[in-house]
């Protein structure tokens, strides 16, 4: 399973902030900076945070806007993990 974060305010200034946040919290997954809002537009992100669970074939199986709890996370993972 892989994780990818997308920073929706992808400016040079936010790059430093993203790096600091990731380091401070011990996160090691990649972060994409959406400098031109193309990801935001393509995935129709309307709120932050928005989480997408994508299966190995690249199909979005679950989308959730807002903070997740364990029940929501388990529901999402059940859509992509056999």
PDB file of N, CA and C in Angstrom:
ATOM      1  N   UNK A   1       0.852  -1.162   0.000  1.00  0.00           N
ATOM      2  CA  UNK A   1       0.000   0.000   0.000  1.00  0.00           C
ATOM      3  C   UNK A   1       0.905   1.234   0.000  1.00  0.00           C
ATOM      4  N   UNK A   2       0.523   2.225  -0.768  1.00  0.00           N
ATOM      5  CA  UNK A   2       1.303   3.454  -0.873  1.00  0.00           C
ATOM      6  C   UNK A   2       0.436   4.647  -0.504  1.00  0.00           C
ATOM      7  N   UNK A   3       1.072   5.649   0.068  1.00  0.00           N
ATOM      8  CA  UNK A   3       0.403   6.897   0.411  1.00  0.00           C
ATOM      9  C   UNK A   3       1.047   8.030  -0.358  1.00  0.00           C
ATOM     10  N   UNK A   4       0.253   8.971  -0.782  1.00  0.00           N
ATOM     11  CA  UNK A   4       0.724  10.176  -1.446  1.00  0.00           C
ATOM     12  C   UNK A   4      -0.120  11.328  -0.931  1.00  0.00           C
ATOM     13  N   UNK A   5       0.530  12.372  -0.486  1.00  0.00           N
ATOM     14  CA  UNK A   5      -0.184  13.569  -0.047  1.00  0.00           C
ATOM     15  C   UNK A   5      -0.082  14.615  -1.145  1.00  0.00           C
ATOM     16  N   UNK A   6      -1.082  15.468  -1.224  1.00  0.00           N
ATOM     17  CA  UNK A   6      -1.064  16.569  -2.181  1.00  0.00           C
ATOM     18  C   UNK A   6      -1.260  17.861  -1.404  1.00  0.00           C
ATOM     19  N   UNK A   7      -0.318  18.774  -1.543  1.00  0.00           N
ATOM     20  CA  UNK A   7      -0.424  20.090  -0.924  1.00  0.00           C
ATOM     21  C   UNK A   7      -1.073  21.014  -1.934  1.00  0.00           C
ATOM     22  N   UNK A   8      -2.221  21.578  -1.572  1.00  0.00           N
ATOM     23  CA  UNK A   8      -2.984  22.375  -2.517  1.00  0.00           C
ATOM     24  C   UNK A   8      -2.497  23.804  -2.652  1.00  0.00           C
ATOM     25  N   UNK A   9      -1.570  24.214  -1.824  1.00  0.00           N
ATOM     26  CA  UNK A   9      -1.046  25.578  -1.905  1.00  0.00           C
ATOM     27  C   UNK A   9       0.414  25.522  -2.324  1.00  0.00           C
ATOM     28  N   UNK A  10       0.696  24.809  -3.399  1.00  0.00           N
ATOM     29  CA  UNK A  10       2.051  24.500  -3.814  1.00  0.00           C
ATOM     30  C   UNK A  10       2.893  25.683  -4.264  1.00  0.00           C
ATOM     31  N   UNK A  11       3.264  26.536  -3.343  1.00  0.00           N
ATOM     32  CA  UNK A  11       4.166  27.638  -3.662  1.00  0.00           C
ATOM     33  C   UNK A  11       5.542  27.314  -3.113  1.00  0.00           C
ATOM     34  N   UNK A  12       6.530  28.052  -3.525  1.00  0.00           N
ATOM     35  CA  UNK A  12       7.882  27.842  -3.000  1.00  0.00           C
ATOM     36  C   UNK A  12       7.900  27.978  -1.480  1.00  0.00           C
ATOM     37  N   UNK A  13       7.168  28.959  -0.962  1.00  0.00           N
ATOM     38  CA  UNK A  13       7.124  29.164   0.473  1.00  0.00           C
ATOM     39  C   UNK A  13       6.521  27.954   1.167  1.00  0.00           C
ATOM     40  N   UNK A  14       5.472  27.384   0.600  1.00  0.00           N
ATOM     41  CA  UNK A  14       4.837  26.249   1.257  1.00  0.00           C
ATOM     42  C   UNK A  14       5.702  24.993   1.174  1.00  0.00           C
ATOM     43  N   UNK A  15       6.611  24.925   0.209  1.00  0.00           N
ATOM     44  CA  UNK A  15       7.520  23.782   0.125  1.00  0.00           C
ATOM     45  C   UNK A  15       8.305  23.649   1.423  1.00  0.00           C
ATOM     46  N   UNK A  16       8.833  24.744   1.910  1.00  0.00           N
ATOM     47  CA  UNK A  16       9.568  24.710   3.175  1.00  0.00           C
ATOM     48  C   UNK A  16       8.659  24.287   4.318  1.00  0.00           C
ATOM     49  N   UNK A  17       7.445  24.814   4.340  1.00  0.00           N
ATOM     50  CA  UNK A  17       6.492  24.448   5.380  1.00  0.00           C
ATOM     51  C   UNK A  17       6.118  22.982   5.330  1.00  0.00           C
ATOM     52  N   UNK A  18       5.931  22.468   4.120  1.00  0.00           N
ATOM     53  CA  UNK A  18       5.605  21.048   3.953  1.00  0.00           C
ATOM     54  C   UNK A  18       6.760  20.193   4.447  1.00  0.00           C
ATOM     55  N   UNK A  19       7.973  20.534   4.066  1.00  0.00           N
ATOM     56  CA  UNK A  19       9.139  19.765   4.498  1.00  0.00           C
ATOM     57  C   UNK A  19       9.279  19.771   6.013  1.00  0.00           C
ATOM     58  N   UNK A  20       9.063  20.923   6.628  1.00  0.00           N
ATOM     59  CA  UNK A  20       9.147  21.023   8.083  1.00  0.00           C
ATOM     60  C   UNK A  20       8.056  20.185   8.755  1.00  0.00           C
ATOM     61  N   UNK A  21       6.834  20.279   8.251  1.00  0.00           N
ATOM     62  CA  UNK A  21       5.725  19.521   8.810  1.00  0.00           C
ATOM     63  C   UNK A  21       5.994  18.018   8.716  1.00  0.00           C
ATOM     64  N   UNK A  22       6.434  17.564   7.563  1.00  0.00           N
ATOM     65  CA  UNK A  22       6.697  16.147   7.357  1.00  0.00           C
ATOM     66  C   UNK A  22       7.803  15.658   8.292  1.00  0.00           C
ATOM     67  N   UNK A  23       8.870  16.424   8.383  1.00  0.00           N
ATOM     68  CA  UNK A  23       9.995  16.056   9.239  1.00  0.00           C
ATOM     69  C   UNK A  23       9.590  16.040  10.712  1.00  0.00           C
ATOM     70  N   UNK A  24       8.901  17.091  11.131  1.00  0.00           N
ATOM     71  CA  UNK A  24       8.479  17.221  12.532  1.00  0.00           C
ATOM     72  C   UNK A  24       7.599  16.047  12.971  1.00  0.00           C
ATOM     73  N   UNK A  25       6.754  15.570  12.069  1.00  0.00           N
ATOM     74  CA  UNK A  25       5.821  14.495  12.403  1.00  0.00           C
ATOM     75  C   UNK A  25       6.317  13.107  12.028  1.00  0.00           C
ATOM     76  N   UNK A  26       7.507  13.017  11.463  1.00  0.00           N
ATOM     77  CA  UNK A  26       8.095  11.729  11.120  1.00  0.00           C
ATOM     78  C   UNK A  26       7.454  11.047   9.925  1.00  0.00           C
ATOM     79  N   UNK A  27       6.789  11.815   9.063  1.00  0.00           N
ATOM     80  CA  UNK A  27       6.165  11.248   7.865  1.00  0.00           C
ATOM     81  C   UNK A  27       7.211  11.101   6.767  1.00  0.00           C
ATOM     82  N   UNK A  28       7.127  10.004   6.040  1.00  0.00           N
ATOM     83  CA  UNK A  28       8.123   9.747   5.002  1.00  0.00           C
ATOM     84  C   UNK A  28       7.515   9.525   3.621  1.00  0.00           C
ATOM     85  N   UNK A  29       6.189   9.635   3.503  1.00  0.00           N
ATOM     86  CA  UNK A  29       5.570   9.428   2.197  1.00  0.00           C
ATOM     87  C   UNK A  29       5.729  10.687   1.341  1.00  0.00           C
ATOM     88  N   UNK A  30       5.644  10.537   0.015  1.00  0.00           N
ATOM     89  CA  UNK A  30       5.849  11.684  -0.876  1.00  0.00           C
ATOM     90  C   UNK A  30       4.703  12.692  -0.825  1.00  0.00           C
ATOM     91  N   UNK A  31       5.044  13.943  -1.104  1.00  0.00           N
ATOM     92  CA  UNK A  31       4.071  15.025  -1.148  1.00  0.00           C
ATOM     93  C   UNK A  31       4.189  15.730  -2.502  1.00  0.00           C
ATOM     94  N   UNK A  32       3.089  15.815  -3.211  1.00  0.00           N
ATOM     95  CA  UNK A  32       3.013  16.529  -4.473  1.00  0.00           C
ATOM     96  C   UNK A  32       2.569  17.955  -4.193  1.00  0.00           C
ATOM     97  N   UNK A  33       3.227  18.931  -4.774  1.00  0.00           N
ATOM     98  CA  UNK A  33       2.798  20.320  -4.655  1.00  0.00           C
ATOM     99  C   UNK A  33       1.960  20.659  -5.883  1.00  0.00           C
ATOM    100  N   UNK A  34       0.706  20.960  -5.657  1.00  0.00           N
ATOM    101  CA  UNK A  34      -0.229  21.260  -6.746  1.00  0.00           C
ATOM    102  C   UNK A  34      -0.144  22.749  -7.083  1.00  0.00           C
ATOM    103  N   UNK A  35       0.949  23.133  -7.703  1.00  0.00           N
ATOM    104  CA  UNK A  35       1.246  24.545  -7.969  1.00  0.00           C
ATOM    105  C   UNK A  35       0.211  25.240  -8.861  1.00  0.00           C
ATOM    106  N   UNK A  36      -0.359  24.503  -9.797  1.00  0.00           N
ATOM    107  CA  UNK A  36      -1.294  25.120 -10.744  1.00  0.00           C
ATOM    108  C   UNK A  36      -2.744  24.672 -10.545  1.00  0.00           C
ATOM    109  N   UNK A  37      -3.005  24.018  -9.422  1.00  0.00           N
ATOM    110  CA  UNK A  37      -4.344  23.517  -9.082  1.00  0.00           C
ATOM    111  C   UNK A  37      -4.869  22.453 -10.042  1.00  0.00           C
ATOM    112  N   UNK A  38      -4.019  21.858 -10.835  1.00  0.00           N
ATOM    113  CA  UNK A  38      -4.483  20.855 -11.798  1.00  0.00           C
ATOM    114  C   UNK A  38      -5.012  19.597 -11.101  1.00  0.00           C
ATOM    115  N   UNK A  39      -4.364  19.192 -10.010  1.00  0.00           N
ATOM    116  CA  UNK A  39      -4.846  18.014  -9.272  1.00  0.00           C
ATOM    117  C   UNK A  39      -6.171  18.339  -8.592  1.00  0.00           C
ATOM    118  N   UNK A  40      -6.241  19.514  -7.987  1.00  0.00           N
ATOM    119  CA  UNK A  40      -7.462  19.959  -7.319  1.00  0.00           C
ATOM    120  C   UNK A  40      -8.637  19.956  -8.290  1.00  0.00           C
ATOM    121  N   UNK A  41      -8.416  20.456  -9.476  1.00  0.00           N
ATOM    122  CA  UNK A  41      -9.468  20.524 -10.490  1.00  0.00           C
ATOM    123  C   UNK A  41      -9.805  19.124 -11.024  1.00  0.00           C
ATOM    124  N   UNK A  42      -8.786  18.355 -11.368  1.00  0.00           N
ATOM    125  CA  UNK A  42      -9.010  17.023 -11.942  1.00  0.00           C
ATOM    126  C   UNK A  42      -9.776  16.108 -10.994  1.00  0.00           C
ATOM    127  N   UNK A  43      -9.448  16.179  -9.707  1.00  0.00           N
ATOM    128  CA  UNK A  43     -10.079  15.302  -8.727  1.00  0.00           C
ATOM    129  C   UNK A  43     -11.287  15.951  -8.045  1.00  0.00           C
ATOM    130  N   UNK A  44     -11.642  17.150  -8.480  1.00  0.00           N
ATOM    131  CA  UNK A  44     -12.808  17.869  -7.970  1.00  0.00           C
ATOM    132  C   UNK A  44     -12.803  17.973  -6.448  1.00  0.00           C
ATOM    133  N   UNK A  45     -11.670  18.429  -5.918  1.00  0.00           N
ATOM    134  CA  UNK A  45     -11.542  18.624  -4.480  1.00  0.00           C
ATOM    135  C   UNK A  45     -12.330  19.868  -4.097  1.00  0.00           C
ATOM    136  N   UNK A  46     -13.255  19.708  -3.159  1.00  0.00           N
ATOM    137  CA  UNK A  46     -14.116  20.817  -2.737  1.00  0.00           C
ATOM    138  C   UNK A  46     -13.872  21.217  -1.284  1.00  0.00           C
ATOM    139  N   UNK A  47     -13.179  20.382  -0.544  1.00  0.00           N
ATOM    140  CA  UNK A  47     -12.888  20.661   0.861  1.00  0.00           C
ATOM    141  C   UNK A  47     -11.573  20.024   1.262  1.00  0.00           C
ATOM    142  N   UNK A  48     -11.049  20.499   2.369  1.00  0.00           N
ATOM    143  CA  UNK A  48      -9.773  19.991   2.862  1.00  0.00           C
ATOM    144  C   UNK A  48      -9.973  19.521   4.295  1.00  0.00           C
ATOM    145  N   UNK A  49      -9.533  18.337   4.642  1.00  0.00           N
ATOM    146  CA  UNK A  49      -8.861  17.366   3.776  1.00  0.00           C
ATOM    147  C   UNK A  49      -9.858  16.553   2.948  1.00  0.00           C
ATOM    148  N   UNK A  50      -9.415  16.093   1.808  1.00  0.00           N
ATOM    149  CA  UNK A  50     -10.153  15.131   1.004  1.00  0.00           C
ATOM    150  C   UNK A  50      -9.226  13.950   0.770  1.00  0.00           C
ATOM    151  N   UNK A  51      -9.733  12.751   1.041  1.00  0.00           N
ATOM    152  CA  UNK A  51      -8.933  11.533   0.895  1.00  0.00           C
ATOM    153  C   UNK A  51      -9.518  10.673  -0.219  1.00  0.00           C
ATOM    154  N   UNK A  52      -8.630  10.141  -1.035  1.00  0.00           N
ATOM    155  CA  UNK A  52      -9.016   9.238  -2.117  1.00  0.00           C
ATOM    156  C   UNK A  52      -8.345   7.895  -1.873  1.00  0.00           C
ATOM    157  N   UNK A  53      -9.097   6.843  -2.048  1.00  0.00           N
ATOM    158  CA  UNK A  53      -8.560   5.494  -1.934  1.00  0.00           C
ATOM    159  C   UNK A  53      -8.658   4.888  -3.320  1.00  0.00           C
ATOM    160  N   UNK A  54      -7.506   4.606  -3.887  1.00  0.00           N
ATOM    161  CA  UNK A  54      -7.395   4.192  -5.286  1.00  0.00           C
ATOM    162  C   UNK A  54      -6.865   2.767  -5.329  1.00  0.00           C
ATOM    163  N   UNK A  55      -7.538   1.911  -6.069  1.00  0.00           N
ATOM    164  CA  UNK A  55      -7.129   0.510  -6.139  1.00  0.00           C
ATOM    165  C   UNK A  55      -5.898   0.347  -7.035  1.00  0.00           C
ATOM    166  N   UNK A  56      -5.307  -0.842  -7.061  1.00  0.00           N
ATOM    167  CA  UNK A  56      -4.088  -1.060  -7.862  1.00  0.00           C
ATOM    168  C   UNK A  56      -4.258  -0.785  -9.353  1.00  0.00           C
ATOM    169  N   UNK A  57      -5.498  -0.798  -9.856  1.00  0.00           N
ATOM    170  CA  UNK A  57      -5.746  -0.513 -11.264  1.00  0.00           C
ATOM    171  C   UNK A  57      -5.928   0.986 -11.518  1.00  0.00           C
ATOM    172  N   UNK A  58      -5.866   1.785 -10.465  1.00  0.00           N
ATOM    173  CA  UNK A  58      -5.981   3.227 -10.618  1.00  0.00           C
ATOM    174  C   UNK A  58      -7.407   3.760 -10.556  1.00  0.00           C
ATOM    175  N   UNK A  59      -8.342   2.937 -10.088  1.00  0.00           N
ATOM    176  CA  UNK A  59      -9.742   3.337  -9.993  1.00  0.00           C
ATOM    177  C   UNK A  59     -10.019   3.874  -8.589  1.00  0.00           C
ATOM    178  N   UNK A  60     -10.639   5.053  -8.514  1.00  0.00           N
ATOM    179  CA  UNK A  60     -11.018   5.605  -7.216  1.00  0.00           C
ATOM    180  C   UNK A  60     -12.172   4.776  -6.670  1.00  0.00           C
ATOM    181  N   UNK A  61     -11.943   4.141  -5.528  1.00  0.00           N
ATOM    182  CA  UNK A  61     -12.966   3.285  -4.931  1.00  0.00           C
ATOM    183  C   UNK A  61     -13.685   3.950  -3.763  1.00  0.00           C
ATOM    184  N   UNK A  62     -13.075   4.994  -3.200  1.00  0.00           N
ATOM    185  CA  UNK A  62     -13.685   5.668  -2.064  1.00  0.00           C
ATOM    186  C   UNK A  62     -13.117   7.074  -1.971  1.00  0.00           C
ATOM    187  N   UNK A  63     -13.989   8.033  -1.711  1.00  0.00           N
ATOM    188  CA  UNK A  63     -13.573   9.430  -1.546  1.00  0.00           C
ATOM    189  C   UNK A  63     -14.244   9.948  -0.287  1.00  0.00           C
ATOM    190  N   UNK A  64     -13.481  10.658   0.529  1.00  0.00           N
ATOM    191  CA  UNK A  64     -14.047  11.182   1.769  1.00  0.00           C
ATOM    192  C   UNK A  64     -13.502  12.582   2.018  1.00  0.00           C
ATOM    193  N   UNK A  65     -14.393  13.514   2.318  1.00  0.00           N
ATOM    194  CA  UNK A  65     -13.991  14.874   2.646  1.00  0.00           C
ATOM    195  C   UNK A  65     -14.207  15.085   4.138  1.00  0.00           C
ATOM    196  N   UNK A  66     -13.148  15.531   4.809  1.00  0.00           N
ATOM    197  CA  UNK A  66     -13.206  15.770   6.247  1.00  0.00           C
ATOM    198  C   UNK A  66     -12.239  14.870   6.983  1.00  0.00           C
ATOM    199  N   UNK A  67     -12.162  15.097   8.278  1.00  0.00           N
ATOM    200  CA  UNK A  67     -11.285  14.270   9.119  1.00  0.00           C
ATOM    201  C   UNK A  67     -11.883  12.873   9.229  1.00  0.00           C
ATOM    202  N   UNK A  68     -11.028  11.866   9.169  1.00  0.00           N
ATOM    203  CA  UNK A  68     -11.492  10.487   9.235  1.00  0.00           C
ATOM    204  C   UNK A  68     -11.297   9.917  10.631  1.00  0.00           C
ATOM    205  N   UNK A  69     -12.217   9.040  11.005  1.00  0.00           N
ATOM    206  CA  UNK A  69     -12.021   8.247  12.210  1.00  0.00           C
ATOM    207  C   UNK A  69     -11.718   6.814  11.785  1.00  0.00           C
ATOM    208  N   UNK A  70     -11.512   5.934  12.742  1.00  0.00           N
ATOM    209  CA  UNK A  70     -11.158   4.554  12.423  1.00  0.00           C
ATOM    210  C   UNK A  70     -12.209   3.823  11.617  1.00  0.00           C
ATOM    211  N   UNK A  71     -13.481   4.079  11.907  1.00  0.00           N
ATOM    212  CA  UNK A  71     -14.565   3.409  11.186  1.00  0.00           C
ATOM    213  C   UNK A  71     -14.573   3.802   9.713  1.00  0.00           C
ATOM    214  N   UNK A  72     -14.406   5.081   9.444  1.00  0.00           N
ATOM    215  CA  UNK A  72     -14.378   5.552   8.050  1.00  0.00           C
ATOM    216  C   UNK A  72     -13.159   4.993   7.333  1.00  0.00           C
ATOM    217  N   UNK A  73     -12.018   4.997   8.005  1.00  0.00           N
ATOM    218  CA  UNK A  73     -10.790   4.464   7.403  1.00  0.00           C
ATOM    219  C   UNK A  73     -10.956   2.980   7.084  1.00  0.00           C
ATOM    220  N   UNK A  74     -11.519   2.219   7.999  1.00  0.00           N
ATOM    221  CA  UNK A  74     -11.736   0.783   7.746  1.00  0.00           C
ATOM    222  C   UNK A  74     -12.676   0.572   6.563  1.00  0.00           C
ATOM    223  N   UNK A  75     -13.722   1.375   6.457  1.00  0.00           N
ATOM    224  CA  UNK A  75     -14.645   1.272   5.326  1.00  0.00           C
ATOM    225  C   UNK A  75     -13.904   1.550   4.020  1.00  0.00           C
ATOM    226  N   UNK A  76     -13.091   2.611   4.020  1.00  0.00           N
ATOM    227  CA  UNK A  76     -12.338   2.975   2.817  1.00  0.00           C
ATOM    228  C   UNK A  76     -11.367   1.872   2.418  1.00  0.00           C
ATOM    229  N   UNK A  77     -10.626   1.375   3.396  1.00  0.00           N
ATOM    230  CA  UNK A  77      -9.642   0.324   3.084  1.00  0.00           C
ATOM    231  C   UNK A  77     -10.301  -0.960   2.591  1.00  0.00           C
ATOM    232  N   UNK A  78     -11.497  -1.245   3.075  1.00  0.00           N
ATOM    233  CA  UNK A  78     -12.190  -2.454   2.631  1.00  0.00           C
ATOM    234  C   UNK A  78     -12.566  -2.373   1.150  1.00  0.00           C
ATOM    235  N   UNK A  79     -12.591  -1.163   0.602  1.00  0.00           N
ATOM    236  CA  UNK A  79     -12.917  -0.990  -0.827  1.00  0.00           C
ATOM    237  C   UNK A  79     -11.732  -1.300  -1.740  1.00  0.00           C
ATOM    238  N   UNK A  80     -10.510  -1.262  -1.162  1.00  0.00           N
ATOM    239  CA  UNK A  80      -9.325  -1.471  -2.013  1.00  0.00           C
ATOM    240  C   UNK A  80      -8.478  -2.678  -1.606  1.00  0.00           C
ATOM    241  N   UNK A  81      -8.696  -3.197  -0.400  1.00  0.00           N
ATOM    242  CA  UNK A  81      -7.928  -4.359   0.051  1.00  0.00           C
ATOM    243  C   UNK A  81      -8.839  -5.573   0.023  1.00  0.00           C
ATOM    244  N   UNK A  82      -8.441  -6.597  -0.717  1.00  0.00           N
ATOM    245  CA  UNK A  82      -9.302  -7.796  -0.805  1.00  0.00           C
ATOM    246  C   UNK A  82      -9.448  -8.506   0.538  1.00  0.00           C
TER     247      UNK A  82
END
